[in-house]
PDB file of all heavy atoms in Angstrom:
ATOM      1  N   ALA A   1      35.634  -5.964 -25.441  1.00  0.00           N
ATOM      2  CA  ALA A   1      34.228  -5.995 -25.815  1.00  0.00           C
ATOM      3  C   ALA A   1      34.049  -5.853 -27.321  1.00  0.00           C
ATOM      4  O   ALA A   1      33.250  -6.578 -27.941  1.00  0.00           O
ATOM      5  CB  ALA A   1      33.476  -4.899 -25.075  1.00  0.00           C
ATOM      6  N   VAL A   2      34.772  -4.929 -27.914  1.00  0.00           N
ATOM      7  CA  VAL A   2      34.673  -4.741 -29.371  1.00  0.00           C
ATOM      8  C   VAL A   2      35.157  -5.985 -30.109  1.00  0.00           C
ATOM      9  O   VAL A   2      34.521  -6.442 -31.079  1.00  0.00           O
ATOM     10  CB  VAL A   2      35.481  -3.500 -29.792  1.00  0.00           C
ATOM     11  CG1 VAL A   2      35.615  -3.421 -31.312  1.00  0.00           C
ATOM     12  CG2 VAL A   2      34.829  -2.236 -29.250  1.00  0.00           C
ATOM     13  N   GLN A   3      36.262  -6.569 -29.644  1.00  0.00           N
ATOM     14  CA  GLN A   3      36.787  -7.773 -30.262  1.00  0.00           C
ATOM     15  C   GLN A   3      35.793  -8.921 -30.187  1.00  0.00           C
ATOM     16  O   GLN A   3      35.592  -9.656 -31.162  1.00  0.00           O
ATOM     17  CB  GLN A   3      38.080  -8.169 -29.577  1.00  0.00           C
ATOM     18  CG  GLN A   3      38.723  -9.465 -30.108  1.00  0.00           C
ATOM     19  CD  GLN A   3      39.875  -9.925 -29.237  1.00  0.00           C
ATOM     20  OE1 GLN A   3      39.781  -9.951 -27.999  1.00  0.00           O
ATOM     21  NE2 GLN A   3      40.988 -10.276 -29.860  1.00  0.00           N
ATOM     22  N   LEU A   4      35.143  -9.055 -29.045  1.00  0.00           N
ATOM     23  CA  LEU A   4      34.200 -10.157 -28.861  1.00  0.00           C
ATOM     24  C   LEU A   4      32.890  -9.896 -29.585  1.00  0.00           C
ATOM     25  O   LEU A   4      32.270 -10.815 -30.139  1.00  0.00           O
ATOM     26  CB  LEU A   4      33.945 -10.328 -27.374  1.00  0.00           C
ATOM     27  CG  LEU A   4      33.144 -11.548 -26.916  1.00  0.00           C
ATOM     28  CD1 LEU A   4      33.849 -12.852 -27.327  1.00  0.00           C
ATOM     29  CD2 LEU A   4      32.933 -11.517 -25.408  1.00  0.00           C
ATOM     30  N   GLY A   5      32.451  -8.634 -29.611  1.00  0.00           N
ATOM     31  CA  GLY A   5      31.156  -8.343 -30.162  1.00  0.00           C
ATOM     32  C   GLY A   5      31.075  -8.242 -31.672  1.00  0.00           C
ATOM     33  O   GLY A   5      30.048  -8.553 -32.272  1.00  0.00           O
ATOM     34  N   ALA A   6      32.171  -7.801 -32.309  1.00  0.00           N
ATOM     35  CA  ALA A   6      32.143  -7.544 -33.753  1.00  0.00           C
ATOM     36  C   ALA A   6      31.705  -8.723 -34.604  1.00  0.00           C
ATOM     37  O   ALA A   6      30.905  -8.552 -35.527  1.00  0.00           O
ATOM     38  CB  ALA A   6      33.494  -7.008 -34.201  1.00  0.00           C
ATOM     39  N   PRO A   7      32.184  -9.937 -34.358  1.00  0.00           N
ATOM     40  CA  PRO A   7      31.791 -11.069 -35.228  1.00  0.00           C
ATOM     41  C   PRO A   7      30.491 -11.776 -34.837  1.00  0.00           C
ATOM     42  O   PRO A   7      30.093 -12.719 -35.529  1.00  0.00           O
ATOM     43  CB  PRO A   7      32.977 -12.028 -35.087  1.00  0.00           C
ATOM     44  CG  PRO A   7      33.478 -11.818 -33.693  1.00  0.00           C
ATOM     45  CD  PRO A   7      33.249 -10.354 -33.414  1.00  0.00           C
ATOM     46  N   LEU A   8      29.830 -11.351 -33.786  1.00  0.00           N
ATOM     47  CA  LEU A   8      28.659 -12.066 -33.296  1.00  0.00           C
ATOM     48  C   LEU A   8      27.471 -11.915 -34.238  1.00  0.00           C
ATOM     49  O   LEU A   8      27.279 -10.866 -34.854  1.00  0.00           O
ATOM     50  CB  LEU A   8      28.253 -11.561 -31.912  1.00  0.00           C
ATOM     51  CG  LEU A   8      29.162 -11.900 -30.729  1.00  0.00           C
ATOM     52  CD1 LEU A   8      28.605 -11.283 -29.460  1.00  0.00           C
ATOM     53  CD2 LEU A   8      29.324 -13.409 -30.556  1.00  0.00           C
ATOM     54  N   ASP A   9      26.665 -12.930 -34.298  1.00  0.00           N
ATOM     55  CA  ASP A   9      25.381 -12.861 -34.996  1.00  0.00           C
ATOM     56  C   ASP A   9      24.311 -12.514 -33.965  1.00  0.00           C
ATOM     57  O   ASP A   9      23.460 -13.306 -33.596  1.00  0.00           O
ATOM     58  CB  ASP A   9      25.075 -14.221 -35.667  1.00  0.00           C
ATOM     59  CG  ASP A   9      23.806 -14.164 -36.499  1.00  0.00           C
ATOM     60  OD1 ASP A   9      23.397 -13.052 -36.872  1.00  0.00           O
ATOM     61  OD2 ASP A   9      23.229 -15.237 -36.751  1.00  0.00           O
ATOM     62  N   GLY A  10      24.378 -11.286 -33.500  1.00  0.00           N
ATOM     63  CA  GLY A  10      23.518 -10.811 -32.404  1.00  0.00           C
ATOM     64  C   GLY A  10      24.308  -9.804 -31.588  1.00  0.00           C
ATOM     65  O   GLY A  10      25.469  -9.514 -31.879  1.00  0.00           O
ATOM     66  N   HIS A  11      23.690  -9.267 -30.547  1.00  0.00           N
ATOM     67  CA  HIS A  11      24.327  -8.223 -29.754  1.00  0.00           C
ATOM     68  C   HIS A  11      25.138  -8.815 -28.608  1.00  0.00           C
ATOM     69  O   HIS A  11      24.873  -9.929 -28.138  1.00  0.00           O
ATOM     70  CB  HIS A  11      23.268  -7.276 -29.172  1.00  0.00           C
ATOM     71  CG  HIS A  11      22.417  -6.620 -30.209  1.00  0.00           C
ATOM     72  ND1 HIS A  11      22.946  -5.910 -31.256  1.00  0.00           N
ATOM     73  CD2 HIS A  11      21.066  -6.557 -30.359  1.00  0.00           C
ATOM     74  CE1 HIS A  11      21.961  -5.436 -32.012  1.00  0.00           C
ATOM     75  NE2 HIS A  11      20.824  -5.819 -31.487  1.00  0.00           N
ATOM     76  N   LEU A  12      26.138  -8.024 -28.138  1.00  0.00           N
ATOM     77  CA  LEU A  12      26.913  -8.389 -26.970  1.00  0.00           C
ATOM     78  C   LEU A  12      26.442  -7.517 -25.801  1.00  0.00           C
ATOM     79  O   LEU A  12      26.496  -6.289 -25.866  1.00  0.00           O
ATOM     80  CB  LEU A  12      28.408  -8.145 -27.204  1.00  0.00           C
ATOM     81  CG  LEU A  12      29.315  -8.387 -25.985  1.00  0.00           C
ATOM     82  CD1 LEU A  12      29.377  -9.879 -25.645  1.00  0.00           C
ATOM     83  CD2 LEU A  12      30.722  -7.828 -26.222  1.00  0.00           C
ATOM     84  N   ALA A  13      25.981  -8.135 -24.726  1.00  0.00           N
ATOM     85  CA  ALA A  13      25.654  -7.417 -23.500  1.00  0.00           C
ATOM     86  C   ALA A  13      26.928  -7.304 -22.664  1.00  0.00           C
ATOM     87  O   ALA A  13      27.621  -8.306 -22.436  1.00  0.00           O
ATOM     88  CB  ALA A  13      24.577  -8.145 -22.714  1.00  0.00           C
ATOM     89  N   VAL A  14      27.236  -6.107 -22.233  1.00  0.00           N
ATOM     90  CA  VAL A  14      28.422  -5.819 -21.409  1.00  0.00           C
ATOM     91  C   VAL A  14      27.915  -5.342 -20.049  1.00  0.00           C
ATOM     92  O   VAL A  14      27.310  -4.278 -19.952  1.00  0.00           O
ATOM     93  CB  VAL A  14      29.320  -4.761 -22.070  1.00  0.00           C
ATOM     94  CG1 VAL A  14      30.539  -4.486 -21.190  1.00  0.00           C
ATOM     95  CG2 VAL A  14      29.742  -5.193 -23.470  1.00  0.00           C
ATOM     96  N   VAL A  15      28.170  -6.125 -19.006  1.00  0.00           N
ATOM     97  CA  VAL A  15      27.636  -5.829 -17.678  1.00  0.00           C
ATOM     98  C   VAL A  15      28.782  -5.372 -16.776  1.00  0.00           C
ATOM     99  O   VAL A  15      29.737  -6.119 -16.551  1.00  0.00           O
ATOM    100  CB  VAL A  15      26.914  -7.058 -17.071  1.00  0.00           C
ATOM    101  CG1 VAL A  15      26.263  -6.672 -15.746  1.00  0.00           C
ATOM    102  CG2 VAL A  15      25.876  -7.606 -18.038  1.00  0.00           C
ATOM    103  N   THR A  16      28.670  -4.165 -16.274  1.00  0.00           N
ATOM    104  CA  THR A  16      29.787  -3.595 -15.544  1.00  0.00           C
ATOM    105  C   THR A  16      29.284  -2.586 -14.502  1.00  0.00           C
ATOM    106  O   THR A  16      28.202  -2.730 -13.966  1.00  0.00           O
ATOM    107  CB  THR A  16      30.810  -3.012 -16.534  1.00  0.00           C
ATOM    108  OG1 THR A  16      31.971  -2.560 -15.833  1.00  0.00           O
ATOM    109  CG2 THR A  16      30.249  -1.919 -17.409  1.00  0.00           C
ATOM    110  N   HIS A  17      30.071  -1.559 -14.228  1.00  0.00           N
ATOM    111  CA  HIS A  17      29.862  -0.649 -13.095  1.00  0.00           C
ATOM    112  C   HIS A  17      29.789   0.788 -13.571  1.00  0.00           C
ATOM    113  O   HIS A  17      30.240   1.126 -14.670  1.00  0.00           O
ATOM    114  CB  HIS A  17      31.009  -0.825 -12.100  1.00  0.00           C
ATOM    115  CG  HIS A  17      31.208  -2.248 -11.671  1.00  0.00           C
ATOM    116  ND1 HIS A  17      30.677  -2.756 -10.504  1.00  0.00           N
ATOM    117  CD2 HIS A  17      31.855  -3.278 -12.275  1.00  0.00           C
ATOM    118  CE1 HIS A  17      30.995  -4.031 -10.403  1.00  0.00           C
ATOM    119  NE2 HIS A  17      31.707  -4.379 -11.461  1.00  0.00           N
ATOM    120  N   GLY A  18      29.238   1.652 -12.696  1.00  0.00           N
ATOM    121  CA  GLY A  18      28.965   3.016 -13.110  1.00  0.00           C
ATOM    122  C   GLY A  18      30.184   3.798 -13.574  1.00  0.00           C
ATOM    123  O   GLY A  18      30.144   4.463 -14.617  1.00  0.00           O
ATOM    124  N   LEU A  19      31.277   3.731 -12.831  1.00  0.00           N
ATOM    125  CA  LEU A  19      32.462   4.507 -13.230  1.00  0.00           C
ATOM    126  C   LEU A  19      33.110   3.914 -14.476  1.00  0.00           C
ATOM    127  O   LEU A  19      33.715   4.646 -15.257  1.00  0.00           O
ATOM    128  CB  LEU A  19      33.466   4.559 -12.088  1.00  0.00           C
ATOM    129  CG  LEU A  19      33.035   5.345 -10.854  1.00  0.00           C
ATOM    130  CD1 LEU A  19      34.149   5.366  -9.808  1.00  0.00           C
ATOM    131  CD2 LEU A  19      32.595   6.754 -11.208  1.00  0.00           C
ATOM    132  N   VAL A  20      32.998   2.615 -14.678  1.00  0.00           N
ATOM    133  CA  VAL A  20      33.531   1.999 -15.895  1.00  0.00           C
ATOM    134  C   VAL A  20      32.780   2.532 -17.118  1.00  0.00           C
ATOM    135  O   VAL A  20      33.388   2.903 -18.117  1.00  0.00           O
ATOM    136  CB  VAL A  20      33.437   0.463 -15.824  1.00  0.00           C
ATOM    137  CG1 VAL A  20      33.865  -0.169 -17.148  1.00  0.00           C
ATOM    138  CG2 VAL A  20      34.286  -0.067 -14.677  1.00  0.00           C
ATOM    139  N   ILE A  21      31.457   2.592 -17.021  1.00  0.00           N
ATOM    140  CA  ILE A  21      30.665   3.079 -18.151  1.00  0.00           C
ATOM    141  C   ILE A  21      30.973   4.554 -18.388  1.00  0.00           C
ATOM    142  O   ILE A  21      31.088   4.994 -19.549  1.00  0.00           O
ATOM    143  CB  ILE A  21      29.173   2.856 -17.917  1.00  0.00           C
ATOM    144  CG1 ILE A  21      28.878   1.388 -17.646  1.00  0.00           C
ATOM    145  CG2 ILE A  21      28.374   3.316 -19.137  1.00  0.00           C
ATOM    146  CD1 ILE A  21      27.443   1.087 -17.238  1.00  0.00           C
ATOM    147  N   ARG A  22      31.108   5.318 -17.318  1.00  0.00           N
ATOM    148  CA  ARG A  22      31.421   6.742 -17.472  1.00  0.00           C
ATOM    149  C   ARG A  22      32.790   6.918 -18.138  1.00  0.00           C
ATOM    150  O   ARG A  22      32.956   7.789 -19.009  1.00  0.00           O
ATOM    151  CB  ARG A  22      31.405   7.435 -16.116  1.00  0.00           C
ATOM    152  CG  ARG A  22      31.393   8.951 -16.244  1.00  0.00           C
ATOM    153  CD  ARG A  22      30.900   9.599 -14.980  1.00  0.00           C
ATOM    154  NE  ARG A  22      31.950   9.751 -13.987  1.00  0.00           N
ATOM    155  CZ  ARG A  22      31.781  10.315 -12.807  1.00  0.00           C
ATOM    156  NH1 ARG A  22      30.583  10.758 -12.453  1.00  0.00           N
ATOM    157  NH2 ARG A  22      32.773  10.428 -11.947  1.00  0.00           N
ATOM    158  N   ALA A  23      33.765   6.084 -17.779  1.00  0.00           N
ATOM    159  CA  ALA A  23      35.086   6.166 -18.422  1.00  0.00           C
ATOM    160  C   ALA A  23      34.987   5.765 -19.885  1.00  0.00           C
ATOM    161  O   ALA A  23      35.643   6.379 -20.755  1.00  0.00           O
ATOM    162  CB  ALA A  23      36.079   5.288 -17.674  1.00  0.00           C
ATOM    163  N   MET A  24      34.211   4.734 -20.189  1.00  0.00           N
ATOM    164  CA  MET A  24      34.015   4.352 -21.601  1.00  0.00           C
ATOM    165  C   MET A  24      33.402   5.499 -22.392  1.00  0.00           C
ATOM    166  O   MET A  24      33.844   5.833 -23.496  1.00  0.00           O
ATOM    167  CB  MET A  24      33.108   3.130 -21.699  1.00  0.00           C
ATOM    168  CG  MET A  24      33.756   1.820 -21.303  1.00  0.00           C
ATOM    169  SD  MET A  24      32.571   0.462 -21.504  1.00  0.00           S
ATOM    170  CE  MET A  24      33.607  -0.943 -21.036  1.00  0.00           C
ATOM    171  N   ALA A  25      32.390   6.138 -21.800  1.00  0.00           N
ATOM    172  CA  ALA A  25      31.730   7.248 -22.479  1.00  0.00           C
ATOM    173  C   ALA A  25      32.689   8.401 -22.729  1.00  0.00           C
ATOM    174  O   ALA A  25      32.666   9.033 -23.781  1.00  0.00           O
ATOM    175  CB  ALA A  25      30.524   7.715 -21.667  1.00  0.00           C
ATOM    176  N   GLY A  26      33.558   8.664 -21.763  1.00  0.00           N
ATOM    177  CA  GLY A  26      34.486   9.776 -21.888  1.00  0.00           C
ATOM    178  C   GLY A  26      35.630   9.526 -22.861  1.00  0.00           C
ATOM    179  O   GLY A  26      36.151  10.475 -23.467  1.00  0.00           O
ATOM    180  N   GLN A  27      36.012   8.262 -23.032  1.00  0.00           N
ATOM    181  CA  GLN A  27      37.193   7.962 -23.833  1.00  0.00           C
ATOM    182  C   GLN A  27      36.898   7.327 -25.180  1.00  0.00           C
ATOM    183  O   GLN A  27      37.671   7.500 -26.126  1.00  0.00           O
ATOM    184  CB  GLN A  27      38.085   6.971 -23.059  1.00  0.00           C
ATOM    185  CG  GLN A  27      38.647   7.478 -21.745  1.00  0.00           C
ATOM    186  CD  GLN A  27      39.489   6.405 -21.080  1.00  0.00           C
ATOM    187  OE1 GLN A  27      40.711   6.373 -21.205  1.00  0.00           O
ATOM    188  NE2 GLN A  27      38.827   5.486 -20.397  1.00  0.00           N
ATOM    189  N   HIS A  28      35.827   6.534 -25.258  1.00  0.00           N
ATOM    190  CA  HIS A  28      35.680   5.631 -26.409  1.00  0.00           C
ATOM    191  C   HIS A  28      34.392   5.771 -27.204  1.00  0.00           C
ATOM    192  O   HIS A  28      34.300   5.240 -28.310  1.00  0.00           O
ATOM    193  CB  HIS A  28      35.799   4.183 -25.914  1.00  0.00           C
ATOM    194  CG  HIS A  28      37.044   3.910 -25.147  1.00  0.00           C
ATOM    195  ND1 HIS A  28      38.295   3.880 -25.732  1.00  0.00           N
ATOM    196  CD2 HIS A  28      37.242   3.694 -23.818  1.00  0.00           C
ATOM    197  CE1 HIS A  28      39.202   3.631 -24.802  1.00  0.00           C
ATOM    198  NE2 HIS A  28      38.603   3.519 -23.645  1.00  0.00           N
ATOM    199  N   LEU A  29      33.392   6.451 -26.653  1.00  0.00           N
ATOM    200  CA  LEU A  29      32.090   6.514 -27.308  1.00  0.00           C
ATOM    201  C   LEU A  29      31.857   7.913 -27.905  1.00  0.00           C
ATOM    202  O   LEU A  29      32.325   8.909 -27.369  1.00  0.00           O
ATOM    203  CB  LEU A  29      30.973   6.216 -26.314  1.00  0.00           C
ATOM    204  CG  LEU A  29      31.120   4.942 -25.472  1.00  0.00           C
ATOM    205  CD1 LEU A  29      29.888   4.740 -24.610  1.00  0.00           C
ATOM    206  CD2 LEU A  29      31.410   3.718 -26.332  1.00  0.00           C
ATOM    207  N   ARG A  30      31.134   7.932 -29.018  1.00  0.00           N
ATOM    208  CA  ARG A  30      30.743   9.217 -29.593  1.00  0.00           C
ATOM    209  C   ARG A  30      29.324   9.534 -29.117  1.00  0.00           C
ATOM    210  O   ARG A  30      28.361   8.951 -29.577  1.00  0.00           O
ATOM    211  CB  ARG A  30      30.802   9.193 -31.124  1.00  0.00           C
ATOM    212  CG  ARG A  30      30.597  10.587 -31.723  1.00  0.00           C
ATOM    213  CD  ARG A  30      31.149  10.717 -33.114  1.00  0.00           C
ATOM    214  NE  ARG A  30      30.294  10.027 -34.074  1.00  0.00           N
ATOM    215  CZ  ARG A  30      30.513  10.046 -35.408  1.00  0.00           C
ATOM    216  NH1 ARG A  30      31.571  10.683 -35.885  1.00  0.00           N
ATOM    217  NH2 ARG A  30      29.698   9.405 -36.227  1.00  0.00           N
ATOM    218  N   LEU A  31      29.259  10.471 -28.167  1.00  0.00           N
ATOM    219  CA  LEU A  31      28.010  10.824 -27.523  1.00  0.00           C
ATOM    220  C   LEU A  31      27.219  11.819 -28.358  1.00  0.00           C
ATOM    221  O   LEU A  31      27.791  12.583 -29.139  1.00  0.00           O
ATOM    222  CB  LEU A  31      28.284  11.428 -26.153  1.00  0.00           C
ATOM    223  CG  LEU A  31      28.965  10.524 -25.131  1.00  0.00           C
ATOM    224  CD1 LEU A  31      29.445  11.353 -23.947  1.00  0.00           C
ATOM    225  CD2 LEU A  31      28.011   9.442 -24.651  1.00  0.00           C
ATOM    226  N   PRO A  32      25.915  11.866 -28.165  1.00  0.00           N
ATOM    227  CA  PRO A  32      25.124  12.947 -28.767  1.00  0.00           C
ATOM    228  C   PRO A  32      25.664  14.295 -28.313  1.00  0.00           C
ATOM    229  O   PRO A  32      26.097  14.444 -27.168  1.00  0.00           O
ATOM    230  CB  PRO A  32      23.709  12.700 -28.232  1.00  0.00           C
ATOM    231  CG  PRO A  32      23.685  11.250 -27.866  1.00  0.00           C
ATOM    232  CD  PRO A  32      25.065  10.913 -27.413  1.00  0.00           C
ATOM    233  N   THR A  33      25.626  15.277 -29.170  1.00  0.00           N
ATOM    234  CA  THR A  33      26.246  16.569 -28.865  1.00  0.00           C
ATOM    235  C   THR A  33      25.531  17.330 -27.772  1.00  0.00           C
ATOM    236  O   THR A  33      26.086  18.265 -27.189  1.00  0.00           O
ATOM    237  CB  THR A  33      26.314  17.449 -30.131  1.00  0.00           C
ATOM    238  OG1 THR A  33      24.980  17.598 -30.661  1.00  0.00           O
ATOM    239  CG2 THR A  33      27.215  16.811 -31.163  1.00  0.00           C
ATOM    240  N   ASP A  34      24.294  16.945 -27.462  1.00  0.00           N
ATOM    241  CA  ASP A  34      23.539  17.678 -26.441  1.00  0.00           C
ATOM    242  C   ASP A  34      23.676  17.062 -25.056  1.00  0.00           C
ATOM    243  O   ASP A  34      22.976  17.443 -24.122  1.00  0.00           O
ATOM    244  CB  ASP A  34      22.059  17.748 -26.820  1.00  0.00           C
ATOM    245  CG  ASP A  34      21.414  16.356 -26.930  1.00  0.00           C
ATOM    246  OD1 ASP A  34      22.158  15.361 -27.027  1.00  0.00           O
ATOM    247  OD2 ASP A  34      20.171  16.290 -26.927  1.00  0.00           O
ATOM    248  N   ARG A  35      24.580  16.099 -24.869  1.00  0.00           N
ATOM    249  CA  ARG A  35      24.730  15.462 -23.569  1.00  0.00           C
ATOM    250  C   ARG A  35      25.844  16.123 -22.760  1.00  0.00           C
ATOM    251  O   ARG A  35      26.831  16.602 -23.326  1.00  0.00           O
ATOM    252  CB  ARG A  35      25.065  13.972 -23.729  1.00  0.00           C
ATOM    253  CG  ARG A  35      24.025  13.187 -24.443  1.00  0.00           C
ATOM    254  CD  ARG A  35      22.668  13.258 -23.759  1.00  0.00           C
ATOM    255  NE  ARG A  35      22.709  12.721 -22.403  1.00  0.00           N
ATOM    256  CZ  ARG A  35      21.652  12.208 -21.791  1.00  0.00           C
ATOM    257  NH1 ARG A  35      20.489  12.153 -22.396  1.00  0.00           N
ATOM    258  NH2 ARG A  35      21.756  11.757 -20.540  1.00  0.00           N
ATOM    259  N   PRO A  36      25.744  16.126 -21.416  1.00  0.00           N
ATOM    260  CA  PRO A  36      26.796  16.715 -20.587  1.00  0.00           C
ATOM    261  C   PRO A  36      28.067  15.873 -20.627  1.00  0.00           C
ATOM    262  O   PRO A  36      28.037  14.685 -20.937  1.00  0.00           O
ATOM    263  CB  PRO A  36      26.187  16.721 -19.199  1.00  0.00           C
ATOM    264  CG  PRO A  36      25.152  15.622 -19.238  1.00  0.00           C
ATOM    265  CD  PRO A  36      24.608  15.628 -20.630  1.00  0.00           C
ATOM    266  N   THR A  37      29.188  16.519 -20.290  1.00  0.00           N
ATOM    267  CA  THR A  37      30.474  15.813 -20.285  1.00  0.00           C
ATOM    268  C   THR A  37      30.520  14.773 -19.172  1.00  0.00           C
ATOM    269  O   THR A  37      30.985  13.645 -19.381  1.00  0.00           O
ATOM    270  CB  THR A  37      31.624  16.820 -20.097  1.00  0.00           C
ATOM    271  OG1 THR A  37      31.559  17.779 -21.139  1.00  0.00           O
ATOM    272  CG2 THR A  37      32.968  16.106 -20.134  1.00  0.00           C
ATOM    273  N   VAL A  38      30.056  15.111 -17.977  1.00  0.00           N
ATOM    274  CA  VAL A  38      30.049  14.183 -16.845  1.00  0.00           C
ATOM    275  C   VAL A  38      28.664  13.531 -16.806  1.00  0.00           C
ATOM    276  O   VAL A  38      27.645  14.222 -16.719  1.00  0.00           O
ATOM    277  CB  VAL A  38      30.340  14.900 -15.532  1.00  0.00           C
ATOM    278  CG1 VAL A  38      30.260  13.917 -14.362  1.00  0.00           C
ATOM    279  CG2 VAL A  38      31.725  15.530 -15.588  1.00  0.00           C
ATOM    280  N   LEU A  39      28.636  12.215 -16.878  1.00  0.00           N
ATOM    281  CA  LEU A  39      27.390  11.483 -16.989  1.00  0.00           C
ATOM    282  C   LEU A  39      27.127  10.650 -15.758  1.00  0.00           C
ATOM    283  O   LEU A  39      28.048  10.164 -15.105  1.00  0.00           O
ATOM    284  CB  LEU A  39      27.446  10.559 -18.214  1.00  0.00           C
ATOM    285  CG  LEU A  39      27.657  11.246 -19.567  1.00  0.00           C
ATOM    286  CD1 LEU A  39      27.920  10.204 -20.630  1.00  0.00           C
ATOM    287  CD2 LEU A  39      26.459  12.081 -19.931  1.00  0.00           C
ATOM    288  N   ARG A  40      25.857  10.466 -15.454  1.00  0.00           N
ATOM    289  CA  ARG A  40      25.416   9.552 -14.425  1.00  0.00           C
ATOM    290  C   ARG A  40      24.797   8.335 -15.106  1.00  0.00           C
ATOM    291  O   ARG A  40      24.056   8.481 -16.077  1.00  0.00           O
ATOM    292  CB  ARG A  40      24.365  10.224 -13.525  1.00  0.00           C
ATOM    293  CG  ARG A  40      23.769   9.264 -12.503  1.00  0.00           C
ATOM    294  CD  ARG A  40      22.557   9.861 -11.815  1.00  0.00           C
ATOM    295  NE  ARG A  40      21.916   8.835 -11.007  1.00  0.00           N
ATOM    296  CZ  ARG A  40      22.160   8.619  -9.732  1.00  0.00           C
ATOM    297  NH1 ARG A  40      23.064   9.354  -9.113  1.00  0.00           N
ATOM    298  NH2 ARG A  40      21.554   7.669  -9.056  1.00  0.00           N
ATOM    299  N   PHE A  41      25.066   7.140 -14.581  1.00  0.00           N
ATOM    300  CA  PHE A  41      24.468   5.910 -15.102  1.00  0.00           C
ATOM    301  C   PHE A  41      23.775   5.212 -13.954  1.00  0.00           C
ATOM    302  O   PHE A  41      24.391   4.813 -12.980  1.00  0.00           O
ATOM    303  CB  PHE A  41      25.545   5.032 -15.753  1.00  0.00           C
ATOM    304  CG  PHE A  41      26.104   5.644 -16.992  1.00  0.00           C
ATOM    305  CD1 PHE A  41      27.234   6.436 -16.947  1.00  0.00           C
ATOM    306  CD2 PHE A  41      25.477   5.454 -18.211  1.00  0.00           C
ATOM    307  CE1 PHE A  41      27.734   7.038 -18.087  1.00  0.00           C
ATOM    308  CE2 PHE A  41      25.964   6.040 -19.357  1.00  0.00           C
ATOM    309  CZ  PHE A  41      27.102   6.838 -19.311  1.00  0.00           C
ATOM    310  N   ASP A  42      22.467   5.058 -14.080  1.00  0.00           N
ATOM    311  CA  ASP A  42      21.659   4.473 -13.024  1.00  0.00           C
ATOM    312  C   ASP A  42      21.786   2.953 -13.010  1.00  0.00           C
ATOM    313  O   ASP A  42      22.225   2.334 -13.992  1.00  0.00           O
ATOM    314  CB  ASP A  42      20.205   4.875 -13.212  1.00  0.00           C
ATOM    315  CG  ASP A  42      19.977   6.352 -12.923  1.00  0.00           C
ATOM    316  OD1 ASP A  42      20.446   6.816 -11.878  1.00  0.00           O
ATOM    317  OD2 ASP A  42      19.344   7.020 -13.766  1.00  0.00           O
ATOM    318  N   ASN A  43      21.351   2.361 -11.915  1.00  0.00           N
ATOM    319  CA  ASN A  43      21.413   0.896 -11.796  1.00  0.00           C
ATOM    320  C   ASN A  43      20.576   0.243 -12.895  1.00  0.00           C
ATOM    321  O   ASN A  43      19.415   0.593 -13.095  1.00  0.00           O
ATOM    322  CB  ASN A  43      20.920   0.448 -10.426  1.00  0.00           C
ATOM    323  CG  ASN A  43      21.875   0.831  -9.315  1.00  0.00           C
ATOM    324  OD1 ASN A  43      21.572   1.673  -8.504  1.00  0.00           O
ATOM    325  ND2 ASN A  43      23.040   0.214  -9.285  1.00  0.00           N
ATOM    326  N   THR A  44      21.156  -0.724 -13.556  1.00  0.00           N
ATOM    327  CA  THR A  44      20.644  -1.483 -14.717  1.00  0.00           C
ATOM    328  C   THR A  44      20.269  -0.589 -15.887  1.00  0.00           C
ATOM    329  O   THR A  44      19.520  -0.995 -16.772  1.00  0.00           O
ATOM    330  CB  THR A  44      19.479  -2.434 -14.372  1.00  0.00           C
ATOM    331  OG1 THR A  44      18.302  -1.699 -14.028  1.00  0.00           O
ATOM    332  CG2 THR A  44      19.870  -3.413 -13.286  1.00  0.00           C
ATOM    333  N   SER A  45      20.794   0.632 -15.942  1.00  0.00           N
ATOM    334  CA  SER A  45      20.548   1.448 -17.136  1.00  0.00           C
ATOM    335  C   SER A  45      21.178   0.787 -18.343  1.00  0.00           C
ATOM    336  O   SER A  45      22.208   0.119 -18.257  1.00  0.00           O
ATOM    337  CB  SER A  45      21.083   2.862 -16.970  1.00  0.00           C
ATOM    338  OG  SER A  45      22.497   2.884 -16.969  1.00  0.00           O
ATOM    339  N   LEU A  46      20.551   1.001 -19.498  1.00  0.00           N
ATOM    340  CA  LEU A  46      20.992   0.423 -20.761  1.00  0.00           C
ATOM    341  C   LEU A  46      21.532   1.527 -21.656  1.00  0.00           C
ATOM    342  O   LEU A  46      20.847   2.540 -21.900  1.00  0.00           O
ATOM    343  CB  LEU A  46      19.831  -0.281 -21.455  1.00  0.00           C
ATOM    344  CG  LEU A  46      20.098  -0.816 -22.875  1.00  0.00           C
ATOM    345  CD1 LEU A  46      21.204  -1.875 -22.877  1.00  0.00           C
ATOM    346  CD2 LEU A  46      18.797  -1.375 -23.466  1.00  0.00           C
TER     347      LEU A  46
END
């Protein structure tokens, strides 16, 4: 996703699943400090 999105002239939409997003959040994203470690992601949440 990073490889594909970095050179774009616009945003990259990444459409996936709840546990995938939770794993991304846990491993690769810098979350706000006031958020819980275990996250829930609702259907079509952005």
